[in-house]
PDB file of all heavy atoms in Angstrom:
ATOM      1  N   SER A   1      98.831  99.641  85.688  1.00  0.00           N
ATOM      2  CA  SER A   1      99.364  98.294  85.895  1.00  0.00           C
ATOM      3  C   SER A   1      98.209  97.312  86.146  1.00  0.00           C
ATOM      4  O   SER A   1      98.186  96.764  87.179  1.00  0.00           O
ATOM      5  CB  SER A   1     100.545  98.223  86.936  1.00  0.00           C
ATOM      6  OG  SER A   1     101.508  99.188  86.670  1.00  0.00           O
ATOM      7  N   PRO A   2      97.480  97.013  85.030  1.00  0.00           N
ATOM      8  CA  PRO A   2      96.332  96.087  85.192  1.00  0.00           C
ATOM      9  C   PRO A   2      96.780  94.742  85.824  1.00  0.00           C
ATOM     10  O   PRO A   2      95.954  94.126  86.442  1.00  0.00           O
ATOM     11  CB  PRO A   2      95.610  95.977  83.956  1.00  0.00           C
ATOM     12  CG  PRO A   2      96.253  97.109  83.126  1.00  0.00           C
ATOM     13  CD  PRO A   2      97.433  97.453  83.807  1.00  0.00           C
ATOM     14  N   GLU A   3      97.975  94.289  85.655  1.00  0.00           N
ATOM     15  CA  GLU A   3      98.457  93.031  86.041  1.00  0.00           C
ATOM     16  C   GLU A   3      98.990  92.979  87.442  1.00  0.00           C
ATOM     17  O   GLU A   3      99.458  92.029  88.035  1.00  0.00           O
ATOM     18  CB  GLU A   3      99.585  92.507  85.082  1.00  0.00           C
ATOM     19  CG  GLU A   3     100.835  93.148  85.219  1.00  0.00           C
ATOM     20  CD  GLU A   3     100.900  94.671  84.600  1.00  0.00           C
ATOM     21  OE1 GLU A   3      99.998  94.978  83.871  1.00  0.00           O
ATOM     22  OE2 GLU A   3     101.873  95.321  84.901  1.00  0.00           O
ATOM     23  N   ALA A   4      98.752  94.023  88.136  1.00  0.00           N
ATOM     24  CA  ALA A   4      99.341  94.150  89.562  1.00  0.00           C
ATOM     25  C   ALA A   4      98.726  93.133  90.449  1.00  0.00           C
ATOM     26  O   ALA A   4      97.595  92.767  90.290  1.00  0.00           O
ATOM     27  CB  ALA A   4      99.024  95.578  90.164  1.00  0.00           C
ATOM     28  N   ASP A   5      99.570  92.369  91.194  1.00  0.00           N
ATOM     29  CA  ASP A   5      99.091  91.228  92.060  1.00  0.00           C
ATOM     30  C   ASP A   5      98.515  91.698  93.351  1.00  0.00           C
ATOM     31  O   ASP A   5      98.589  92.869  93.727  1.00  0.00           O
ATOM     32  CB  ASP A   5     100.246  90.239  92.233  1.00  0.00           C
ATOM     33  CG  ASP A   5     101.341  90.696  92.945  1.00  0.00           C
ATOM     34  OD1 ASP A   5     101.388  91.909  93.446  1.00  0.00           O
ATOM     35  OD2 ASP A   5     102.434  90.020  93.138  1.00  0.00           O
ATOM     36  N   ASP A   6      97.938  90.758  94.059  1.00  0.00           N
ATOM     37  CA  ASP A   6      97.358  91.068  95.402  1.00  0.00           C
ATOM     38  C   ASP A   6      98.296  91.624  96.352  1.00  0.00           C
ATOM     39  O   ASP A   6      98.042  92.613  97.136  1.00  0.00           O
ATOM     40  CB  ASP A   6      96.747  89.688  95.961  1.00  0.00           C
ATOM     41  CG  ASP A   6      95.550  89.224  95.085  1.00  0.00           C
ATOM     42  OD1 ASP A   6      95.054  89.957  94.302  1.00  0.00           O
ATOM     43  OD2 ASP A   6      95.381  87.964  95.234  1.00  0.00           O
ATOM     44  N   ALA A   7      99.521  91.129  96.437  1.00  0.00           N
ATOM     45  CA  ALA A   7     100.548  91.487  97.438  1.00  0.00           C
ATOM     46  C   ALA A   7     100.719  93.079  97.117  1.00  0.00           C
ATOM     47  O   ALA A   7     100.989  93.788  98.051  1.00  0.00           O
ATOM     48  CB  ALA A   7     101.770  90.704  97.212  1.00  0.00           C
ATOM     49  N   THR A   8     100.982  93.398  96.025  1.00  0.00           N
ATOM     50  CA  THR A   8     101.274  94.923  95.534  1.00  0.00           C
ATOM     51  C   THR A   8     100.063  95.762  96.022  1.00  0.00           C
ATOM     52  O   THR A   8     100.200  96.885  96.531  1.00  0.00           O
ATOM     53  CB  THR A   8     101.486  95.021  94.077  1.00  0.00           C
ATOM     54  OG1 THR A   8     102.623  94.091  93.648  1.00  0.00           O
ATOM     55  CG2 THR A   8     101.807  96.371  93.640  1.00  0.00           C
ATOM     56  N   LEU A   9      98.916  95.234  95.719  1.00  0.00           N
ATOM     57  CA  LEU A   9      97.656  96.074  96.256  1.00  0.00           C
ATOM     58  C   LEU A   9      97.616  96.120  97.705  1.00  0.00           C
ATOM     59  O   LEU A   9      97.287  97.231  98.292  1.00  0.00           O
ATOM     60  CB  LEU A   9      96.362  95.495  95.502  1.00  0.00           C
ATOM     61  CG  LEU A   9      96.218  95.557  94.145  1.00  0.00           C
ATOM     62  CD1 LEU A   9      95.098  94.769  93.566  1.00  0.00           C
ATOM     63  CD2 LEU A   9      95.974  97.116  93.751  1.00  0.00           C
ATOM     64  N   MET A  10      98.000  95.079  98.436  1.00  0.00           N
ATOM     65  CA  MET A  10      97.895  95.089  99.928  1.00  0.00           C
ATOM     66  C   MET A  10      98.976  96.070 100.438  1.00  0.00           C
ATOM     67  O   MET A  10      98.884  96.396 101.620  1.00  0.00           O
ATOM     68  CB  MET A  10      98.150  93.648 100.385  1.00  0.00           C
ATOM     69  CG  MET A  10      96.751  92.731 100.175  1.00  0.00           C
ATOM     70  SD  MET A  10      95.332  93.363 100.966  1.00  0.00           S
ATOM     71  CE  MET A  10      95.903  93.133 102.777  1.00  0.00           C
ATOM     72  N   GLU A  11     100.016  96.297  99.755  1.00  0.00           N
ATOM     73  CA  GLU A  11     101.008  97.343 100.167  1.00  0.00           C
ATOM     74  C   GLU A  11     100.249  98.758 100.304  1.00  0.00           C
ATOM     75  O   GLU A  11     100.608  99.589 101.121  1.00  0.00           O
ATOM     76  CB  GLU A  11     102.121  97.401  99.302  1.00  0.00           C
ATOM     77  CG  GLU A  11     103.135  96.157  99.314  1.00  0.00           C
ATOM     78  CD  GLU A  11     104.187  96.220  98.359  1.00  0.00           C
ATOM     79  OE1 GLU A  11     104.571  97.338  97.849  1.00  0.00           O
ATOM     80  OE2 GLU A  11     104.838  95.051  98.212  1.00  0.00           O
ATOM     81  N   ILE A  12      99.279  98.918  99.476  1.00  0.00           N
ATOM     82  CA  ILE A  12      98.596 100.179  99.374  1.00  0.00           C
ATOM     83  C   ILE A  12      97.373 100.207 100.344  1.00  0.00           C
ATOM     84  O   ILE A  12      97.247 101.116 101.110  1.00  0.00           O
ATOM     85  CB  ILE A  12      98.129 100.518  97.819  1.00  0.00           C
ATOM     86  CG1 ILE A  12      99.434 100.632  97.093  1.00  0.00           C
ATOM     87  CG2 ILE A  12      97.374 101.764  97.856  1.00  0.00           C
ATOM     88  CD1 ILE A  12      99.088 100.734  95.601  1.00  0.00           C
ATOM     89  N   VAL A  13      96.469  99.232 100.160  1.00  0.00           N
ATOM     90  CA  VAL A  13      95.327  99.126 101.028  1.00  0.00           C
ATOM     91  C   VAL A  13      95.609  98.127 101.975  1.00  0.00           C
ATOM     92  O   VAL A  13      95.640  96.894 101.816  1.00  0.00           O
ATOM     93  CB  VAL A  13      94.083  98.711 100.106  1.00  0.00           C
ATOM     94  CG1 VAL A  13      92.873  98.467 100.977  1.00  0.00           C
ATOM     95  CG2 VAL A  13      93.851  99.592  99.071  1.00  0.00           C
ATOM     96  N   LYS A  14      95.878  98.578 103.192  1.00  0.00           N
ATOM     97  CA  LYS A  14      96.238  97.692 104.326  1.00  0.00           C
ATOM     98  C   LYS A  14      95.245  96.991 104.854  1.00  0.00           C
ATOM     99  O   LYS A  14      95.533  95.903 105.547  1.00  0.00           O
ATOM    100  CB  LYS A  14      96.937  98.643 105.419  1.00  0.00           C
ATOM    101  CG  LYS A  14      98.022  99.522 105.044  1.00  0.00           C
ATOM    102  CD  LYS A  14      99.249  98.794 104.587  1.00  0.00           C
ATOM    103  CE  LYS A  14     100.394  99.804 104.280  1.00  0.00           C
ATOM    104  NZ  LYS A  14     101.480  99.237 103.612  1.00  0.00           N
ATOM    105  N   GLY A  15      94.017  97.422 104.859  1.00  0.00           N
ATOM    106  CA  GLY A  15      92.679  96.811 105.297  1.00  0.00           C
ATOM    107  C   GLY A  15      91.778  97.789 105.577  1.00  0.00           C
ATOM    108  O   GLY A  15      91.827  98.830 105.142  1.00  0.00           O
ATOM    109  N   PRO A  16      90.671  97.437 106.227  1.00  0.00           N
ATOM    110  CA  PRO A  16      89.581  98.248 106.385  1.00  0.00           C
ATOM    111  C   PRO A  16      89.980  99.449 107.253  1.00  0.00           C
ATOM    112  O   PRO A  16      90.907  99.382 108.063  1.00  0.00           O
ATOM    113  CB  PRO A  16      88.540  97.498 107.271  1.00  0.00           C
ATOM    114  CG  PRO A  16      88.936  95.982 106.994  1.00  0.00           C
ATOM    115  CD  PRO A  16      90.343  95.987 106.704  1.00  0.00           C
ATOM    116  N   ASP A  17      89.196 100.519 107.212  1.00  0.00           N
ATOM    117  CA  ASP A  17      89.494 101.671 107.978  1.00  0.00           C
ATOM    118  C   ASP A  17      88.089 102.053 108.564  1.00  0.00           C
ATOM    119  O   ASP A  17      87.186 102.586 107.932  1.00  0.00           O
ATOM    120  CB  ASP A  17      89.967 102.780 107.033  1.00  0.00           C
ATOM    121  CG  ASP A  17      90.310 104.130 107.813  1.00  0.00           C
ATOM    122  OD1 ASP A  17      90.645 104.045 108.973  1.00  0.00           O
ATOM    123  OD2 ASP A  17      90.392 105.289 107.101  1.00  0.00           O
ATOM    124  N   PHE A  18      88.021 101.979 110.049  1.00  0.00           N
ATOM    125  CA  PHE A  18      86.708 102.204 110.640  1.00  0.00           C
ATOM    126  C   PHE A  18      86.623 103.571 111.076  1.00  0.00           C
ATOM    127  O   PHE A  18      87.242 103.923 111.875  1.00  0.00           O
ATOM    128  CB  PHE A  18      86.583 101.059 111.820  1.00  0.00           C
ATOM    129  CG  PHE A  18      86.724  99.660 111.304  1.00  0.00           C
ATOM    130  CD1 PHE A  18      87.913  98.917 111.450  1.00  0.00           C
ATOM    131  CD2 PHE A  18      85.602  99.127 110.744  1.00  0.00           C
ATOM    132  CE1 PHE A  18      87.995  97.661 110.996  1.00  0.00           C
ATOM    133  CE2 PHE A  18      85.672  97.753 110.239  1.00  0.00           C
ATOM    134  CZ  PHE A  18      86.907  97.120 110.447  1.00  0.00           C
ATOM    135  N   PRO A  19      85.535 104.291 110.572  1.00  0.00           N
ATOM    136  CA  PRO A  19      85.482 105.725 110.918  1.00  0.00           C
ATOM    137  C   PRO A  19      85.023 105.813 112.390  1.00  0.00           C
ATOM    138  O   PRO A  19      85.337 107.002 112.906  1.00  0.00           O
ATOM    139  CB  PRO A  19      84.267 106.210 109.945  1.00  0.00           C
ATOM    140  CG  PRO A  19      83.505 104.956 109.679  1.00  0.00           C
ATOM    141  CD  PRO A  19      84.551 103.878 109.620  1.00  0.00           C
ATOM    142  N   THR A  20      84.605 104.865 112.947  1.00  0.00           N
ATOM    143  CA  THR A  20      84.297 104.957 114.521  1.00  0.00           C
ATOM    144  C   THR A  20      85.346 104.889 115.426  1.00  0.00           C
ATOM    145  O   THR A  20      85.209 104.940 116.515  1.00  0.00           O
ATOM    146  CB  THR A  20      83.098 104.106 114.745  1.00  0.00           C
ATOM    147  OG1 THR A  20      83.382 102.719 114.500  1.00  0.00           O
ATOM    148  CG2 THR A  20      81.758 104.468 114.061  1.00  0.00           C
ATOM    149  N   GLY A  21      86.637 104.430 114.727  1.00  0.00           N
ATOM    150  CA  GLY A  21      87.717 104.234 115.541  1.00  0.00           C
ATOM    151  C   GLY A  21      88.009 102.877 115.995  1.00  0.00           C
ATOM    152  O   GLY A  21      88.949 102.693 116.721  1.00  0.00           O
ATOM    153  N   GLY A  22      87.372 101.899 115.303  1.00  0.00           N
ATOM    154  CA  GLY A  22      87.703 100.614 115.656  1.00  0.00           C
ATOM    155  C   GLY A  22      89.095 100.143 115.198  1.00  0.00           C
ATOM    156  O   GLY A  22      89.655 100.782 114.312  1.00  0.00           O
ATOM    157  N   VAL A  23      89.805  99.296 116.038  1.00  0.00           N
ATOM    158  CA  VAL A  23      91.133  98.932 115.775  1.00  0.00           C
ATOM    159  C   VAL A  23      91.123  97.431 115.202  1.00  0.00           C
ATOM    160  O   VAL A  23      90.645  96.587 115.819  1.00  0.00           O
ATOM    161  CB  VAL A  23      91.957  99.004 117.080  1.00  0.00           C
ATOM    162  CG1 VAL A  23      93.272  98.602 116.632  1.00  0.00           C
ATOM    163  CG2 VAL A  23      91.950 100.404 117.576  1.00  0.00           C
ATOM    164  N   LEU A  24      91.678  97.179 114.139  1.00  0.00           N
ATOM    165  CA  LEU A  24      91.653  95.964 113.522  1.00  0.00           C
ATOM    166  C   LEU A  24      92.853  95.189 114.225  1.00  0.00           C
ATOM    167  O   LEU A  24      93.994  95.609 114.268  1.00  0.00           O
ATOM    168  CB  LEU A  24      91.996  96.025 111.989  1.00  0.00           C
ATOM    169  CG  LEU A  24      91.782  94.874 111.139  1.00  0.00           C
ATOM    170  CD1 LEU A  24      90.504  94.165 111.107  1.00  0.00           C
ATOM    171  CD2 LEU A  24      92.220  95.133 109.619  1.00  0.00           C
ATOM    172  N   VAL A  25      92.418  93.957 114.622  1.00  0.00           N
ATOM    173  CA  VAL A  25      93.526  93.127 115.434  1.00  0.00           C
ATOM    174  C   VAL A  25      93.954  91.949 114.808  1.00  0.00           C
ATOM    175  O   VAL A  25      94.855  91.320 115.287  1.00  0.00           O
ATOM    176  CB  VAL A  25      92.995  92.793 116.897  1.00  0.00           C
ATOM    177  CG1 VAL A  25      92.781  94.135 117.600  1.00  0.00           C
ATOM    178  CG2 VAL A  25      91.695  92.141 116.845  1.00  0.00           C
ATOM    179  N   ASP A  26      93.416  91.657 113.615  1.00  0.00           N
ATOM    180  CA  ASP A  26      93.848  90.476 112.813  1.00  0.00           C
ATOM    181  C   ASP A  26      95.281  90.668 112.185  1.00  0.00           C
ATOM    182  O   ASP A  26      95.604  91.872 111.868  1.00  0.00           O
ATOM    183  CB  ASP A  26      92.869  90.039 111.876  1.00  0.00           C
ATOM    184  CG  ASP A  26      91.651  89.470 112.343  1.00  0.00           C
ATOM    185  OD1 ASP A  26      91.721  88.707 113.190  1.00  0.00           O
ATOM    186  OD2 ASP A  26      90.445  89.869 111.906  1.00  0.00           O
ATOM    187  N   ASN A  27      95.990  89.646 112.012  1.00  0.00           N
ATOM    188  CA  ASN A  27      97.330  89.826 111.414  1.00  0.00           C
ATOM    189  C   ASN A  27      97.122  89.998 109.904  1.00  0.00           C
ATOM    190  O   ASN A  27      96.055  89.669 109.356  1.00  0.00           O
ATOM    191  CB  ASN A  27      98.235  88.817 111.738  1.00  0.00           C
ATOM    192  CG  ASN A  27      97.873  87.382 111.237  1.00  0.00           C
ATOM    193  OD1 ASN A  27      97.326  87.298 110.025  1.00  0.00           O
ATOM    194  ND2 ASN A  27      97.977  86.338 112.055  1.00  0.00           N
ATOM    195  N   GLN A  28      98.248  90.411 109.269  1.00  0.00           N
ATOM    196  CA  GLN A  28      98.149  90.822 107.817  1.00  0.00           C
ATOM    197  C   GLN A  28      97.794  89.512 106.876  1.00  0.00           C
ATOM    198  O   GLN A  28      97.154  89.724 105.987  1.00  0.00           O
ATOM    199  CB  GLN A  28      99.453  91.367 107.393  1.00  0.00           C
ATOM    200  CG  GLN A  28      99.486  92.020 106.044  1.00  0.00           C
ATOM    201  CD  GLN A  28      98.491  93.182 105.942  1.00  0.00           C
ATOM    202  OE1 GLN A  28      98.338  94.120 106.944  1.00  0.00           O
ATOM    203  NE2 GLN A  28      97.495  93.394 105.016  1.00  0.00           N
ATOM    204  N   ALA A  29      98.160  88.262 107.394  1.00  0.00           N
ATOM    205  CA  ALA A  29      97.922  87.067 106.656  1.00  0.00           C
ATOM    206  C   ALA A  29      96.518  86.838 106.521  1.00  0.00           C
ATOM    207  O   ALA A  29      96.004  86.423 105.497  1.00  0.00           O
ATOM    208  CB  ALA A  29      98.722  85.909 107.232  1.00  0.00           C
ATOM    209  N   ILE A  30      95.717  87.112 107.644  1.00  0.00           N
ATOM    210  CA  ILE A  30      94.256  86.840 107.649  1.00  0.00           C
ATOM    211  C   ILE A  30      93.622  87.847 106.841  1.00  0.00           C
ATOM    212  O   ILE A  30      92.695  87.629 106.138  1.00  0.00           O
ATOM    213  CB  ILE A  30      93.807  86.877 109.116  1.00  0.00           C
ATOM    214  CG1 ILE A  30      94.311  85.675 109.942  1.00  0.00           C
ATOM    215  CG2 ILE A  30      92.231  86.970 109.132  1.00  0.00           C
ATOM    216  CD1 ILE A  30      93.986  85.678 111.326  1.00  0.00           C
TER     217      ILE A  30
END
């Protein structure tokens, strides 16, 4: 689905994934 929008992609890729165990504390809007 090349026309997939940002919101749909963000349902799959939630944000960075830090291999050293860092915890992302920003909210989803940021």
